[in-house]
All heavy atoms as atom14 arrays in JSON, in Angstrom:
{
  "sequence": "YREMVQPEDSEHFIHISADEEDAQLAATHAGL",
  "atom14_mask": [
    [1, 1, 1, 1, 1, 1, 1, 1, 1, 1, 1, 1, 0, 0],
    [1, 1, 1, 1, 1, 1, 1, 1, 1, 1, 1, 0, 0, 0],
    [1, 1, 1, 1, 1, 1, 1, 1, 1, 0, 0, 0, 0, 0],
    [1, 1, 1, 1, 1, 1, 1, 1, 0, 0, 0, 0, 0, 0],
    [1, 1, 1, 1, 1, 1, 1, 0, 0, 0, 0, 0, 0, 0],
    [1, 1, 1, 1, 1, 1, 1, 1, 1, 0, 0, 0, 0, 0],
    [1, 1, 1, 1, 1, 1, 1, 0, 0, 0, 0, 0, 0, 0],
    [1, 1, 1, 1, 1, 1, 1, 1, 1, 0, 0, 0, 0, 0],
    [1, 1, 1, 1, 1, 1, 1, 1, 0, 0, 0, 0, 0, 0],
    [1, 1, 1, 1, 1, 1, 0, 0, 0, 0, 0, 0, 0, 0],
    [1, 1, 1, 1, 1, 1, 1, 1, 1, 0, 0, 0, 0, 0],
    [1, 1, 1, 1, 1, 1, 1, 1, 1, 1, 0, 0, 0, 0],
    [1, 1, 1, 1, 1, 1, 1, 1, 1, 1, 1, 0, 0, 0],
    [1, 1, 1, 1, 1, 1, 1, 1, 0, 0, 0, 0, 0, 0],
    [1, 1, 1, 1, 1, 1, 1, 1, 1, 1, 0, 0, 0, 0],
    [1, 1, 1, 1, 1, 1, 1, 1, 0, 0, 0, 0, 0, 0],
    [1, 1, 1, 1, 1, 1, 0, 0, 0, 0, 0, 0, 0, 0],
    [1, 1, 1, 1, 1, 0, 0, 0, 0, 0, 0, 0, 0, 0],
    [1, 1, 1, 1, 1, 1, 1, 1, 0, 0, 0, 0, 0, 0],
    [1, 1, 1, 1, 1, 1, 1, 1, 1, 0, 0, 0, 0, 0],
    [1, 1, 1, 1, 1, 1, 1, 1, 1, 0, 0, 0, 0, 0],
    [1, 1, 1, 1, 1, 1, 1, 1, 0, 0, 0, 0, 0, 0],
    [1, 1, 1, 1, 1, 0, 0, 0, 0, 0, 0, 0, 0, 0],
    [1, 1, 1, 1, 1, 1, 1, 1, 1, 0, 0, 0, 0, 0],
    [1, 1, 1, 1, 1, 1, 1, 1, 0, 0, 0, 0, 0, 0],
    [1, 1, 1, 1, 1, 0, 0, 0, 0, 0, 0, 0, 0, 0],
    [1, 1, 1, 1, 1, 0, 0, 0, 0, 0, 0, 0, 0, 0],
    [1, 1, 1, 1, 1, 1, 1, 0, 0, 0, 0, 0, 0, 0],
    [1, 1, 1, 1, 1, 1, 1, 1, 1, 1, 0, 0, 0, 0],
    [1, 1, 1, 1, 1, 0, 0, 0, 0, 0, 0, 0, 0, 0],
    [1, 1, 1, 1, 0, 0, 0, 0, 0, 0, 0, 0, 0, 0],
    [1, 1, 1, 1, 1, 1, 1, 1, 0, 0, 0, 0, 0, 0]
  ],
  "atom14_positions": [
    [[115.04, 96.9, 108.18], [114.22, 95.82, 107.66], [112.69, 96.46, 107.37], [112.12, 96.24, 106.4], [114.2, 94.62, 108.44], [113.38, 93.5, 107.95], [113.84, 92.62, 106.92], [112.12, 93.21, 108.45], [113.07, 91.62, 106.43], [111.21, 92.22, 107.88], [111.8, 91.38, 106.8], [111.03, 90.43, 106.32], [0.0, 0.0, 0.0], [0.0, 0.0, 0.0]],
    [[112.25, 97.12, 108.42], [110.84, 97.63, 108.29], [110.67, 98.75, 107.24], [109.56, 99.07, 106.81], [110.34, 98.17, 109.62], [111.02, 99.38, 110.24], [110.27, 99.91, 111.48], [109.01, 100.42, 111.14], [107.84, 99.95, 111.48], [107.8, 98.88, 112.22], [106.71, 100.6, 111.15], [0.0, 0.0, 0.0], [0.0, 0.0, 0.0], [0.0, 0.0, 0.0]],
    [[111.81, 99.29, 106.83], [111.73, 100.19, 105.7], [111.51, 99.48, 104.38], [110.84, 100.01, 103.47], [113.09, 101.06, 105.57], [113.16, 102.1, 104.49], [114.43, 102.77, 104.39], [115.3, 102.66, 105.35], [114.6, 103.55, 103.4], [0.0, 0.0, 0.0], [0.0, 0.0, 0.0], [0.0, 0.0, 0.0], [0.0, 0.0, 0.0], [0.0, 0.0, 0.0]],
    [[112.04, 98.26, 104.32], [111.87, 97.44, 103.12], [110.54, 96.67, 103.13], [109.84, 96.57, 102.2], [112.98, 96.49, 102.98], [112.82, 95.56, 101.79], [114.38, 94.56, 101.43], [115.49, 95.86, 100.71], [0.0, 0.0, 0.0], [0.0, 0.0, 0.0], [0.0, 0.0, 0.0], [0.0, 0.0, 0.0], [0.0, 0.0, 0.0], [0.0, 0.0, 0.0]],
    [[110.19, 96.11, 104.29], [109.01, 95.31, 104.47], [108.13, 95.88, 105.59], [108.57, 95.75, 106.74], [109.31, 93.8, 104.73], [108.03, 92.99, 104.78], [110.2, 93.27, 103.64], [0.0, 0.0, 0.0], [0.0, 0.0, 0.0], [0.0, 0.0, 0.0], [0.0, 0.0, 0.0], [0.0, 0.0, 0.0], [0.0, 0.0, 0.0], [0.0, 0.0, 0.0]],
    [[107.17, 96.56, 105.23], [106.28, 97.2, 106.28], [105.41, 96.24, 106.96], [104.6, 95.6, 106.42], [105.47, 98.4, 105.65], [106.38, 99.49, 104.98], [105.73, 100.35, 103.97], [104.5, 100.26, 103.87], [106.47, 101.12, 103.37], [0.0, 0.0, 0.0], [0.0, 0.0, 0.0], [0.0, 0.0, 0.0], [0.0, 0.0, 0.0], [0.0, 0.0, 0.0]],
    [[105.59, 96.16, 108.29], [104.85, 95.08, 109.11], [103.26, 95.07, 108.91], [102.65, 94.03, 108.85], [105.24, 95.34, 110.52], [106.43, 96.17, 110.49], [106.4, 96.96, 109.19], [0.0, 0.0, 0.0], [0.0, 0.0, 0.0], [0.0, 0.0, 0.0], [0.0, 0.0, 0.0], [0.0, 0.0, 0.0], [0.0, 0.0, 0.0], [0.0, 0.0, 0.0]],
    [[102.71, 96.26, 108.66], [101.26, 96.38, 108.55], [100.73, 96.09, 107.16], [99.53, 96.01, 106.96], [100.86, 97.77, 109.09], [101.3, 98.9, 108.15], [102.75, 99.4, 108.39], [103.4, 98.7, 109.15], [103.11, 100.35, 107.7], [0.0, 0.0, 0.0], [0.0, 0.0, 0.0], [0.0, 0.0, 0.0], [0.0, 0.0, 0.0], [0.0, 0.0, 0.0]],
    [[101.76, 95.82, 106.3], [101.27, 95.68, 104.9], [100.9, 94.17, 104.61], [101.78, 93.25, 104.49], [102.46, 95.97, 103.96], [102.12, 95.86, 102.47], [100.9, 95.68, 102.15], [103.01, 95.93, 101.61], [0.0, 0.0, 0.0], [0.0, 0.0, 0.0], [0.0, 0.0, 0.0], [0.0, 0.0, 0.0], [0.0, 0.0, 0.0], [0.0, 0.0, 0.0]],
    [[99.61, 93.89, 104.33], [99.13, 92.62, 104.21], [99.53, 92.04, 102.76], [99.42, 90.82, 102.63], [97.58, 92.63, 104.23], [97.0, 93.4, 103.25], [0.0, 0.0, 0.0], [0.0, 0.0, 0.0], [0.0, 0.0, 0.0], [0.0, 0.0, 0.0], [0.0, 0.0, 0.0], [0.0, 0.0, 0.0], [0.0, 0.0, 0.0], [0.0, 0.0, 0.0]],
    [[99.85, 92.87, 101.95], [100.45, 92.48, 100.64], [101.87, 92.01, 100.6], [102.35, 91.37, 99.74], [100.29, 93.62, 99.56], [98.86, 94.01, 99.23], [98.13, 93.0, 98.53], [98.73, 92.22, 97.79], [96.85, 92.92, 98.63], [0.0, 0.0, 0.0], [0.0, 0.0, 0.0], [0.0, 0.0, 0.0], [0.0, 0.0, 0.0], [0.0, 0.0, 0.0]],
    [[102.63, 92.33, 101.78], [103.99, 92.0, 101.97], [104.84, 92.47, 100.79], [105.85, 91.85, 100.33], [104.23, 90.42, 102.03], [103.2, 89.82, 102.98], [103.36, 90.0, 104.44], [102.1, 89.03, 102.77], [102.39, 89.26, 104.93], [101.64, 88.77, 104.04], [0.0, 0.0, 0.0], [0.0, 0.0, 0.0], [0.0, 0.0, 0.0], [0.0, 0.0, 0.0]],
    [[104.64, 93.73, 100.4], [105.4, 94.32, 99.32], [106.85, 94.49, 99.72], [107.12, 94.85, 101.01], [104.86, 95.74, 98.9], [103.74, 95.72, 97.87], [103.16, 94.53, 97.51], [103.34, 96.84, 97.3], [102.14, 94.52, 96.6], [102.25, 96.84, 96.29], [101.72, 95.66, 96.02], [0.0, 0.0, 0.0], [0.0, 0.0, 0.0], [0.0, 0.0, 0.0]],
    [[107.87, 94.4, 98.87], [109.31, 94.6, 99.18], [109.72, 95.84, 98.61], [109.77, 96.05, 97.4], [110.12, 93.36, 98.8], [109.58, 92.1, 99.48], [111.55, 93.64, 99.01], [110.27, 90.84, 98.98], [0.0, 0.0, 0.0], [0.0, 0.0, 0.0], [0.0, 0.0, 0.0], [0.0, 0.0, 0.0], [0.0, 0.0, 0.0], [0.0, 0.0, 0.0]],
    [[109.87, 96.94, 99.4], [110.26, 98.27, 98.84], [111.83, 98.34, 98.92], [112.46, 98.21, 99.93], [109.72, 99.29, 99.79], [108.16, 99.27, 99.78], [107.49, 100.09, 99.07], [107.34, 98.57, 100.52], [106.18, 99.85, 99.27], [106.05, 98.93, 100.16], [0.0, 0.0, 0.0], [0.0, 0.0, 0.0], [0.0, 0.0, 0.0], [0.0, 0.0, 0.0]],
    [[112.37, 98.54, 97.75], [113.83, 98.49, 97.6], [114.33, 99.9, 97.32], [114.13, 100.49, 96.21], [114.36, 97.52, 96.47], [113.72, 96.2, 96.71], [115.83, 97.51, 96.41], [113.9, 95.22, 95.55], [0.0, 0.0, 0.0], [0.0, 0.0, 0.0], [0.0, 0.0, 0.0], [0.0, 0.0, 0.0], [0.0, 0.0, 0.0], [0.0, 0.0, 0.0]],
    [[115.01, 100.52, 98.28], [115.56, 101.91, 98.1], [117.02, 101.75, 97.86], [117.81, 101.41, 98.76], [115.39, 102.73, 99.41], [113.96, 102.9, 99.68], [0.0, 0.0, 0.0], [0.0, 0.0, 0.0], [0.0, 0.0, 0.0], [0.0, 0.0, 0.0], [0.0, 0.0, 0.0], [0.0, 0.0, 0.0], [0.0, 0.0, 0.0], [0.0, 0.0, 0.0]],
    [[117.46, 102.05, 96.64], [118.8, 101.78, 96.2], [119.86, 102.84, 96.7], [120.98, 102.55, 96.94], [118.93, 101.72, 94.67], [0.0, 0.0, 0.0], [0.0, 0.0, 0.0], [0.0, 0.0, 0.0], [0.0, 0.0, 0.0], [0.0, 0.0, 0.0], [0.0, 0.0, 0.0], [0.0, 0.0, 0.0], [0.0, 0.0, 0.0], [0.0, 0.0, 0.0]],
    [[119.3, 104.09, 96.9], [120.25, 105.11, 97.36], [119.5, 106.11, 98.22], [118.29, 105.99, 98.49], [120.89, 105.81, 96.09], [119.88, 106.17, 95.05], [118.7, 106.57, 95.46], [120.17, 106.11, 93.9], [0.0, 0.0, 0.0], [0.0, 0.0, 0.0], [0.0, 0.0, 0.0], [0.0, 0.0, 0.0], [0.0, 0.0, 0.0], [0.0, 0.0, 0.0]],
    [[120.14, 107.23, 98.53], [119.5, 108.23, 99.43], [118.33, 108.94, 98.72], [117.4, 109.41, 99.32], [120.55, 109.29, 99.8], [121.64, 108.73, 100.76], [120.93, 108.12, 102.03], [119.95, 108.75, 102.47], [121.46, 107.04, 102.53], [0.0, 0.0, 0.0], [0.0, 0.0, 0.0], [0.0, 0.0, 0.0], [0.0, 0.0, 0.0], [0.0, 0.0, 0.0]],
    [[118.43, 109.09, 97.34], [117.27, 109.64, 96.67], [115.98, 108.75, 96.8], [114.96, 109.26, 97.02], [117.66, 109.72, 95.15], [116.58, 110.33, 94.41], [116.83, 110.53, 92.86], [118.01, 110.79, 92.56], [115.94, 110.31, 92.04], [0.0, 0.0, 0.0], [0.0, 0.0, 0.0], [0.0, 0.0, 0.0], [0.0, 0.0, 0.0], [0.0, 0.0, 0.0]],
    [[116.25, 107.48, 96.77], [115.16, 106.54, 96.88], [114.64, 106.63, 98.4], [113.42, 106.55, 98.63], [115.66, 105.07, 96.7], [115.38, 104.67, 95.25], [114.87, 105.43, 94.51], [115.68, 103.46, 94.9], [0.0, 0.0, 0.0], [0.0, 0.0, 0.0], [0.0, 0.0, 0.0], [0.0, 0.0, 0.0], [0.0, 0.0, 0.0], [0.0, 0.0, 0.0]],
    [[115.49, 106.81, 99.34], [115.04, 106.98, 100.75], [114.25, 108.17, 100.87], [113.27, 108.2, 101.59], [116.36, 107.02, 101.63], [0.0, 0.0, 0.0], [0.0, 0.0, 0.0], [0.0, 0.0, 0.0], [0.0, 0.0, 0.0], [0.0, 0.0, 0.0], [0.0, 0.0, 0.0], [0.0, 0.0, 0.0], [0.0, 0.0, 0.0], [0.0, 0.0, 0.0]],
    [[114.72, 109.29, 100.18], [113.88, 110.54, 100.3], [112.49, 110.33, 99.62], [111.46, 110.8, 100.14], [114.59, 111.63, 99.53], [115.81, 112.18, 100.37], [116.46, 113.31, 99.61], [116.89, 113.2, 98.51], [116.49, 114.54, 100.16], [0.0, 0.0, 0.0], [0.0, 0.0, 0.0], [0.0, 0.0, 0.0], [0.0, 0.0, 0.0], [0.0, 0.0, 0.0]],
    [[112.5, 109.58, 98.58], [111.19, 109.26, 97.93], [110.28, 108.39, 98.89], [109.14, 108.78, 98.96], [111.39, 108.46, 96.66], [111.86, 109.3, 95.47], [112.37, 108.33, 94.36], [110.86, 110.21, 94.94], [0.0, 0.0, 0.0], [0.0, 0.0, 0.0], [0.0, 0.0, 0.0], [0.0, 0.0, 0.0], [0.0, 0.0, 0.0], [0.0, 0.0, 0.0]],
    [[110.83, 107.51, 99.54], [110.1, 106.68, 100.53], [109.45, 107.61, 101.63], [108.33, 107.42, 101.99], [111.0, 105.65, 101.14], [0.0, 0.0, 0.0], [0.0, 0.0, 0.0], [0.0, 0.0, 0.0], [0.0, 0.0, 0.0], [0.0, 0.0, 0.0], [0.0, 0.0, 0.0], [0.0, 0.0, 0.0], [0.0, 0.0, 0.0], [0.0, 0.0, 0.0]],
    [[110.3, 108.52, 102.15], [109.79, 109.49, 103.14], [108.73, 110.37, 102.57], [107.73, 110.72, 103.18], [110.89, 110.32, 103.63], [0.0, 0.0, 0.0], [0.0, 0.0, 0.0], [0.0, 0.0, 0.0], [0.0, 0.0, 0.0], [0.0, 0.0, 0.0], [0.0, 0.0, 0.0], [0.0, 0.0, 0.0], [0.0, 0.0, 0.0], [0.0, 0.0, 0.0]],
    [[108.88, 110.78, 101.25], [107.87, 111.66, 100.66], [106.57, 110.79, 100.52], [105.51, 111.37, 100.78], [108.39, 112.06, 99.19], [109.52, 112.84, 99.39], [107.3, 112.89, 98.52], [0.0, 0.0, 0.0], [0.0, 0.0, 0.0], [0.0, 0.0, 0.0], [0.0, 0.0, 0.0], [0.0, 0.0, 0.0], [0.0, 0.0, 0.0], [0.0, 0.0, 0.0]],
    [[106.65, 109.58, 100.1], [105.47, 108.78, 99.91], [104.75, 108.65, 101.2], [103.55, 108.8, 101.36], [105.78, 107.39, 99.37], [104.74, 106.57, 99.09], [104.55, 105.34, 99.8], [103.6, 106.64, 98.22], [103.39, 104.81, 99.37], [102.86, 105.56, 98.48], [0.0, 0.0, 0.0], [0.0, 0.0, 0.0], [0.0, 0.0, 0.0], [0.0, 0.0, 0.0]],
    [[105.53, 108.31, 102.33], [104.93, 108.08, 103.63], [104.19, 109.39, 104.12], [103.24, 109.37, 104.89], [105.97, 107.63, 104.6], [0.0, 0.0, 0.0], [0.0, 0.0, 0.0], [0.0, 0.0, 0.0], [0.0, 0.0, 0.0], [0.0, 0.0, 0.0], [0.0, 0.0, 0.0], [0.0, 0.0, 0.0], [0.0, 0.0, 0.0], [0.0, 0.0, 0.0]],
    [[104.72, 110.57, 103.7], [104.15, 111.78, 104.1], [102.95, 112.3, 103.38], [102.29, 113.28, 103.79], [0.0, 0.0, 0.0], [0.0, 0.0, 0.0], [0.0, 0.0, 0.0], [0.0, 0.0, 0.0], [0.0, 0.0, 0.0], [0.0, 0.0, 0.0], [0.0, 0.0, 0.0], [0.0, 0.0, 0.0], [0.0, 0.0, 0.0], [0.0, 0.0, 0.0]],
    [[102.54, 111.66, 102.31], [101.29, 112.02, 101.6], [100.11, 111.78, 102.57], [100.1, 110.86, 103.24], [101.23, 111.22, 100.26], [102.26, 111.64, 99.22], [102.21, 110.57, 98.08], [101.99, 113.01, 98.66], [0.0, 0.0, 0.0], [0.0, 0.0, 0.0], [0.0, 0.0, 0.0], [0.0, 0.0, 0.0], [0.0, 0.0, 0.0], [0.0, 0.0, 0.0]]
  ]
}
């Protein structure tokens, strides 16, 4: 759940990772 809705995000964005490629992208983004 916290991968989709980040608790610290005041905008309450819903991040939808459809597959493993999306999951890798999420990790890449977090690593910037």
